[in-house]
């Protein structure tokens, strides 16, 4: 996954969890390192279920996707 795709995923998460940390360039870089070998399509397919099931107050960490 590239940084643009990672930023798009974080933008979606930010809409559902606005009280978390801001999505900065450093955040995109960090998440992209974690998702580098994962397809964008797979993460986007998982995203609705993660959003439904995550009961945290802020954005879930990348580990939740694995």
PDB file of N, CA and C in Angstrom:
ATOM      1  N   UNK A   1       0.855  -1.165   0.000  1.00  0.00           N
ATOM      2  CA  UNK A   1       0.000   0.000   0.000  1.00  0.00           C
ATOM      3  C   UNK A   1       0.903   1.231   0.000  1.00  0.00           C
ATOM      4  N   UNK A   2       0.522   2.208  -0.764  1.00  0.00           N
ATOM      5  CA  UNK A   2       1.324   3.430  -0.810  1.00  0.00           C
ATOM      6  C   UNK A   2       0.784   4.474   0.175  1.00  0.00           C
ATOM      7  N   UNK A   3       1.492   5.590   0.276  1.00  0.00           N
ATOM      8  CA  UNK A   3       1.113   6.615   1.256  1.00  0.00           C
ATOM      9  C   UNK A   3      -0.222   7.268   0.920  1.00  0.00           C
ATOM     10  N   UNK A   4      -0.511   7.457  -0.359  1.00  0.00           N
ATOM     11  CA  UNK A   4      -1.789   8.073  -0.735  1.00  0.00           C
ATOM     12  C   UNK A   4      -2.953   7.191  -0.298  1.00  0.00           C
ATOM     13  N   UNK A   5      -2.840   5.892  -0.536  1.00  0.00           N
ATOM     14  CA  UNK A   5      -3.891   4.962  -0.120  1.00  0.00           C
ATOM     15  C   UNK A   5      -4.018   4.926   1.405  1.00  0.00           C
ATOM     16  N   UNK A   6      -2.883   4.949   2.083  1.00  0.00           N
ATOM     17  CA  UNK A   6      -2.895   4.956   3.545  1.00  0.00           C
ATOM     18  C   UNK A   6      -3.586   6.214   4.062  1.00  0.00           C
ATOM     19  N   UNK A   7      -3.284   7.338   3.456  1.00  0.00           N
ATOM     20  CA  UNK A   7      -3.918   8.601   3.863  1.00  0.00           C
ATOM     21  C   UNK A   7      -5.424   8.541   3.650  1.00  0.00           C
ATOM     22  N   UNK A   8      -5.873   7.879   2.593  1.00  0.00           N
ATOM     23  CA  UNK A   8      -7.309   7.751   2.341  1.00  0.00           C
ATOM     24  C   UNK A   8      -7.972   6.914   3.431  1.00  0.00           C
ATOM     25  N   UNK A   9      -7.328   5.856   3.845  1.00  0.00           N
ATOM     26  CA  UNK A   9      -7.873   5.020   4.922  1.00  0.00           C
ATOM     27  C   UNK A   9      -7.939   5.805   6.225  1.00  0.00           C
ATOM     28  N   UNK A  10      -6.888   6.529   6.525  1.00  0.00           N
ATOM     29  CA  UNK A  10      -6.882   7.339   7.745  1.00  0.00           C
ATOM     30  C   UNK A  10      -7.924   8.445   7.698  1.00  0.00           C
ATOM     31  N   UNK A  11      -8.186   8.984   6.525  1.00  0.00           N
ATOM     32  CA  UNK A  11      -9.224  10.012   6.386  1.00  0.00           C
ATOM     33  C   UNK A  11     -10.599   9.430   6.707  1.00  0.00           C
ATOM     34  N   UNK A  12     -10.857   8.209   6.261  1.00  0.00           N
ATOM     35  CA  UNK A  12     -12.133   7.553   6.580  1.00  0.00           C
ATOM     36  C   UNK A  12     -12.229   7.310   8.076  1.00  0.00           C
ATOM     37  N   UNK A  13     -11.174   6.764   8.653  1.00  0.00           N
ATOM     38  CA  UNK A  13     -11.180   6.512  10.100  1.00  0.00           C
ATOM     39  C   UNK A  13     -11.373   7.797  10.882  1.00  0.00           C
ATOM     40  N   UNK A  14     -10.766   8.857  10.436  1.00  0.00           N
ATOM     41  CA  UNK A  14     -10.869  10.155  11.129  1.00  0.00           C
ATOM     42  C   UNK A  14     -12.315  10.653  11.166  1.00  0.00           C
ATOM     43  N   UNK A  15     -13.076  10.363  10.126  1.00  0.00           N
ATOM     44  CA  UNK A  15     -14.489  10.763  10.099  1.00  0.00           C
ATOM     45  C   UNK A  15     -15.283  10.052  11.189  1.00  0.00           C
ATOM     46  N   UNK A  16     -14.937   8.812  11.461  1.00  0.00           N
ATOM     47  CA  UNK A  16     -15.660   8.045  12.480  1.00  0.00           C
ATOM     48  C   UNK A  16     -15.119   8.270  13.883  1.00  0.00           C
ATOM     49  N   UNK A  17     -13.858   8.669  13.985  1.00  0.00           N
ATOM     50  CA  UNK A  17     -13.210   8.862  15.278  1.00  0.00           C
ATOM     51  C   UNK A  17     -12.539  10.234  15.317  1.00  0.00           C
ATOM     52  N   UNK A  18     -13.322  11.313  15.330  1.00  0.00           N
ATOM     53  CA  UNK A  18     -12.749  12.662  15.256  1.00  0.00           C
ATOM     54  C   UNK A  18     -12.012  13.108  16.517  1.00  0.00           C
ATOM     55  N   UNK A  19     -12.165  12.401  17.613  1.00  0.00           N
ATOM     56  CA  UNK A  19     -11.538  12.818  18.862  1.00  0.00           C
ATOM     57  C   UNK A  19     -10.131  12.262  19.054  1.00  0.00           C
ATOM     58  N   UNK A  20      -9.638  11.547  18.072  1.00  0.00           N
ATOM     59  CA  UNK A  20      -8.296  10.977  18.187  1.00  0.00           C
ATOM     60  C   UNK A  20      -7.219  11.961  17.770  1.00  0.00           C
ATOM     61  N   UNK A  21      -6.042  11.438  17.636  1.00  0.00           N
ATOM     62  CA  UNK A  21      -4.915  12.245  17.196  1.00  0.00           C
ATOM     63  C   UNK A  21      -5.159  12.724  15.765  1.00  0.00           C
ATOM     64  N   UNK A  22      -4.650  13.906  15.422  1.00  0.00           N
ATOM     65  CA  UNK A  22      -4.799  14.377  14.046  1.00  0.00           C
ATOM     66  C   UNK A  22      -4.003  13.489  13.083  1.00  0.00           C
ATOM     67  N   UNK A  23      -4.468  13.411  11.869  1.00  0.00           N
ATOM     68  CA  UNK A  23      -3.768  12.644  10.842  1.00  0.00           C
ATOM     69  C   UNK A  23      -2.703  13.553  10.235  1.00  0.00           C
ATOM     70  N   UNK A  24      -1.489  13.336  10.670  1.00  0.00           N
ATOM     71  CA  UNK A  24      -0.362  14.132  10.207  1.00  0.00           C
ATOM     72  C   UNK A  24       0.443  13.344   9.171  1.00  0.00           C
ATOM     73  N   UNK A  25       1.395  14.006   8.553  1.00  0.00           N
ATOM     74  CA  UNK A  25       2.288  13.320   7.606  1.00  0.00           C
ATOM     75  C   UNK A  25       3.040  12.193   8.312  1.00  0.00           C
ATOM     76  N   UNK A  26       3.423  12.422   9.560  1.00  0.00           N
ATOM     77  CA  UNK A  26       4.123  11.374  10.321  1.00  0.00           C
ATOM     78  C   UNK A  26       3.216  10.183  10.607  1.00  0.00           C
ATOM     79  N   UNK A  27       1.947  10.446  10.889  1.00  0.00           N
ATOM     80  CA  UNK A  27       0.998   9.357  11.121  1.00  0.00           C
ATOM     81  C   UNK A  27       0.815   8.527   9.855  1.00  0.00           C
ATOM     82  N   UNK A  28       0.678   9.194   8.721  1.00  0.00           N
ATOM     83  CA  UNK A  28       0.529   8.478   7.448  1.00  0.00           C
ATOM     84  C   UNK A  28       1.758   7.612   7.196  1.00  0.00           C
ATOM     85  N   UNK A  29       2.932   8.150   7.427  1.00  0.00           N
ATOM     86  CA  UNK A  29       4.174   7.397   7.225  1.00  0.00           C
ATOM     87  C   UNK A  29       4.227   6.182   8.138  1.00  0.00           C
ATOM     88  N   UNK A  30       3.858   6.351   9.390  1.00  0.00           N
ATOM     89  CA  UNK A  30       3.898   5.240  10.348  1.00  0.00           C
ATOM     90  C   UNK A  30       2.910   4.144   9.956  1.00  0.00           C
ATOM     91  N   UNK A  31       1.682   4.518   9.630  1.00  0.00           N
ATOM     92  CA  UNK A  31       0.694   3.529   9.227  1.00  0.00           C
ATOM     93  C   UNK A  31       1.102   2.867   7.919  1.00  0.00           C
ATOM     94  N   UNK A  32       1.674   3.612   7.003  1.00  0.00           N
ATOM     95  CA  UNK A  32       2.091   3.047   5.718  1.00  0.00           C
ATOM     96  C   UNK A  32       3.179   2.004   5.924  1.00  0.00           C
ATOM     97  N   UNK A  33       4.069   2.214   6.878  1.00  0.00           N
ATOM     98  CA  UNK A  33       5.097   1.210   7.166  1.00  0.00           C
ATOM     99  C   UNK A  33       4.454  -0.101   7.617  1.00  0.00           C
ATOM    100  N   UNK A  34       3.411   0.004   8.425  1.00  0.00           N
ATOM    101  CA  UNK A  34       2.723  -1.190   8.913  1.00  0.00           C
ATOM    102  C   UNK A  34       1.962  -1.881   7.774  1.00  0.00           C
ATOM    103  N   UNK A  35       1.344  -1.091   6.912  1.00  0.00           N
ATOM    104  CA  UNK A  35       0.518  -1.632   5.835  1.00  0.00           C
ATOM    105  C   UNK A  35       1.257  -1.797   4.509  1.00  0.00           C
ATOM    106  N   UNK A  36       2.557  -1.637   4.494  1.00  0.00           N
ATOM    107  CA  UNK A  36       3.315  -1.649   3.229  1.00  0.00           C
ATOM    108  C   UNK A  36       3.060  -2.900   2.389  1.00  0.00           C
ATOM    109  N   UNK A  37       2.947  -4.051   3.015  1.00  0.00           N
ATOM    110  CA  UNK A  37       2.775  -5.307   2.281  1.00  0.00           C
ATOM    111  C   UNK A  37       1.330  -5.785   2.210  1.00  0.00           C
ATOM    112  N   UNK A  38       0.399  -4.928   2.575  1.00  0.00           N
ATOM    113  CA  UNK A  38      -1.018  -5.287   2.581  1.00  0.00           C
ATOM    114  C   UNK A  38      -1.717  -4.516   1.467  1.00  0.00           C
ATOM    115  N   UNK A  39      -2.661  -5.158   0.802  1.00  0.00           N
ATOM    116  CA  UNK A  39      -3.346  -4.480  -0.295  1.00  0.00           C
ATOM    117  C   UNK A  39      -4.368  -3.469   0.242  1.00  0.00           C
ATOM    118  N   UNK A  40      -4.448  -2.379  -0.448  1.00  0.00           N
ATOM    119  CA  UNK A  40      -5.419  -1.328  -0.142  1.00  0.00           C
ATOM    120  C   UNK A  40      -6.834  -1.894  -0.168  1.00  0.00           C
ATOM    121  N   UNK A  41      -7.121  -2.721  -1.154  1.00  0.00           N
ATOM    122  CA  UNK A  41      -8.457  -3.299  -1.306  1.00  0.00           C
ATOM    123  C   UNK A  41      -8.834  -4.154  -0.101  1.00  0.00           C
ATOM    124  N   UNK A  42      -7.873  -4.896   0.428  1.00  0.00           N
ATOM    125  CA  UNK A  42      -8.143  -5.730   1.598  1.00  0.00           C
ATOM    126  C   UNK A  42      -8.484  -4.868   2.812  1.00  0.00           C
ATOM    127  N   UNK A  43      -7.688  -3.842   3.064  1.00  0.00           N
ATOM    128  CA  UNK A  43      -7.948  -2.971   4.211  1.00  0.00           C
ATOM    129  C   UNK A  43      -9.290  -2.263   4.051  1.00  0.00           C
ATOM    130  N   UNK A  44      -9.581  -1.787   2.850  1.00  0.00           N
ATOM    131  CA  UNK A  44     -10.865  -1.122   2.618  1.00  0.00           C
ATOM    132  C   UNK A  44     -12.027  -2.090   2.811  1.00  0.00           C
ATOM    133  N   UNK A  45     -11.836  -3.352   2.473  1.00  0.00           N
ATOM    134  CA  UNK A  45     -12.880  -4.353   2.685  1.00  0.00           C
ATOM    135  C   UNK A  45     -13.093  -4.623   4.175  1.00  0.00           C
ATOM    136  N   UNK A  46     -12.025  -4.569   4.950  1.00  0.00           N
ATOM    137  CA  UNK A  46     -12.118  -4.797   6.395  1.00  0.00           C
ATOM    138  C   UNK A  46     -12.634  -3.578   7.155  1.00  0.00           C
ATOM    139  N   UNK A  47     -12.460  -2.423   6.601  1.00  0.00           N
ATOM    140  CA  UNK A  47     -12.761  -1.173   7.296  1.00  0.00           C
ATOM    141  C   UNK A  47     -14.186  -1.092   7.850  1.00  0.00           C
ATOM    142  N   UNK A  48     -15.222  -1.433   7.098  1.00  0.00           N
ATOM    143  CA  UNK A  48     -16.575  -1.346   7.675  1.00  0.00           C
ATOM    144  C   UNK A  48     -16.765  -2.216   8.921  1.00  0.00           C
ATOM    145  N   UNK A  49     -16.206  -3.419   8.908  1.00  0.00           N
ATOM    146  CA  UNK A  49     -16.343  -4.293  10.068  1.00  0.00           C
ATOM    147  C   UNK A  49     -15.553  -3.762  11.257  1.00  0.00           C
ATOM    148  N   UNK A  50     -14.379  -3.242  10.997  1.00  0.00           N
ATOM    149  CA  UNK A  50     -13.575  -2.665  12.077  1.00  0.00           C
ATOM    150  C   UNK A  50     -14.333  -1.508  12.717  1.00  0.00           C
ATOM    151  N   UNK A  51     -14.917  -0.661  11.888  1.00  0.00           N
ATOM    152  CA  UNK A  51     -15.660   0.493  12.397  1.00  0.00           C
ATOM    153  C   UNK A  51     -16.864   0.039  13.220  1.00  0.00           C
ATOM    154  N   UNK A  52     -17.556  -0.997  12.762  1.00  0.00           N
ATOM    155  CA  UNK A  52     -18.712  -1.508  13.497  1.00  0.00           C
ATOM    156  C   UNK A  52     -18.323  -2.107  14.842  1.00  0.00           C
ATOM    157  N   UNK A  53     -17.189  -2.797  14.881  1.00  0.00           N
ATOM    158  CA  UNK A  53     -16.813  -3.543  16.074  1.00  0.00           C
ATOM    159  C   UNK A  53     -15.910  -2.787  17.041  1.00  0.00           C
ATOM    160  N   UNK A  54     -15.185  -1.788  16.561  1.00  0.00           N
ATOM    161  CA  UNK A  54     -14.249  -1.083  17.441  1.00  0.00           C
ATOM    162  C   UNK A  54     -15.020  -0.263  18.456  1.00  0.00           C
ATOM    163  N   UNK A  55     -14.766  -0.508  19.709  1.00  0.00           N
ATOM    164  CA  UNK A  55     -15.500   0.199  20.754  1.00  0.00           C
ATOM    165  C   UNK A  55     -14.637   1.251  21.448  1.00  0.00           C
ATOM    166  N   UNK A  56     -13.522   1.562  20.860  1.00  0.00           N
ATOM    167  CA  UNK A  56     -12.663   2.585  21.432  1.00  0.00           C
ATOM    168  C   UNK A  56     -13.201   3.982  21.153  1.00  0.00           C
ATOM    169  N   UNK A  57     -12.744   4.919  21.927  1.00  0.00           N
ATOM    170  CA  UNK A  57     -13.185   6.302  21.785  1.00  0.00           C
ATOM    171  C   UNK A  57     -12.434   6.999  20.661  1.00  0.00           C
ATOM    172  N   UNK A  58     -11.236   6.525  20.401  1.00  0.00           N
ATOM    173  CA  UNK A  58     -10.422   7.112  19.348  1.00  0.00           C
ATOM    174  C   UNK A  58     -10.153   6.079  18.257  1.00  0.00           C
ATOM    175  N   UNK A  59      -9.454   6.488  17.240  1.00  0.00           N
ATOM    176  CA  UNK A  59      -9.145   5.653  16.091  1.00  0.00           C
ATOM    177  C   UNK A  59      -8.459   4.353  16.521  1.00  0.00           C
ATOM    178  N   UNK A  60      -8.856   3.215  15.938  1.00  0.00           N
ATOM    179  CA  UNK A  60      -8.189   1.962  16.301  1.00  0.00           C
ATOM    180  C   UNK A  60      -6.745   1.956  15.815  1.00  0.00           C
ATOM    181  N   UNK A  61      -5.879   1.226  16.508  1.00  0.00           N
ATOM    182  CA  UNK A  61      -4.500   1.127  16.049  1.00  0.00           C
ATOM    183  C   UNK A  61      -4.402   0.188  14.842  1.00  0.00           C
ATOM    184  N   UNK A  62      -3.331   0.281  14.080  1.00  0.00           N
ATOM    185  CA  UNK A  62      -3.188  -0.582  12.893  1.00  0.00           C
ATOM    186  C   UNK A  62      -3.279  -2.071  13.216  1.00  0.00           C
ATOM    187  N   UNK A  63      -2.859  -2.475  14.398  1.00  0.00           N
ATOM    188  CA  UNK A  63      -2.868  -3.896  14.755  1.00  0.00           C
ATOM    189  C   UNK A  63      -4.268  -4.497  14.695  1.00  0.00           C
ATOM    190  N   UNK A  64      -5.294  -3.705  14.872  1.00  0.00           N
ATOM    191  CA  UNK A  64      -6.665  -4.199  14.835  1.00  0.00           C
ATOM    192  C   UNK A  64      -7.002  -4.803  13.469  1.00  0.00           C
ATOM    193  N   UNK A  65      -6.334  -4.342  12.430  1.00  0.00           N
ATOM    194  CA  UNK A  65      -6.606  -4.835  11.087  1.00  0.00           C
ATOM    195  C   UNK A  65      -6.008  -6.210  10.832  1.00  0.00           C
ATOM    196  N   UNK A  66      -5.155  -6.674  11.738  1.00  0.00           N
ATOM    197  CA  UNK A  66      -4.529  -7.972  11.565  1.00  0.00           C
ATOM    198  C   UNK A  66      -5.104  -8.939  12.555  1.00  0.00           C
TER     199      UNK A  66
END
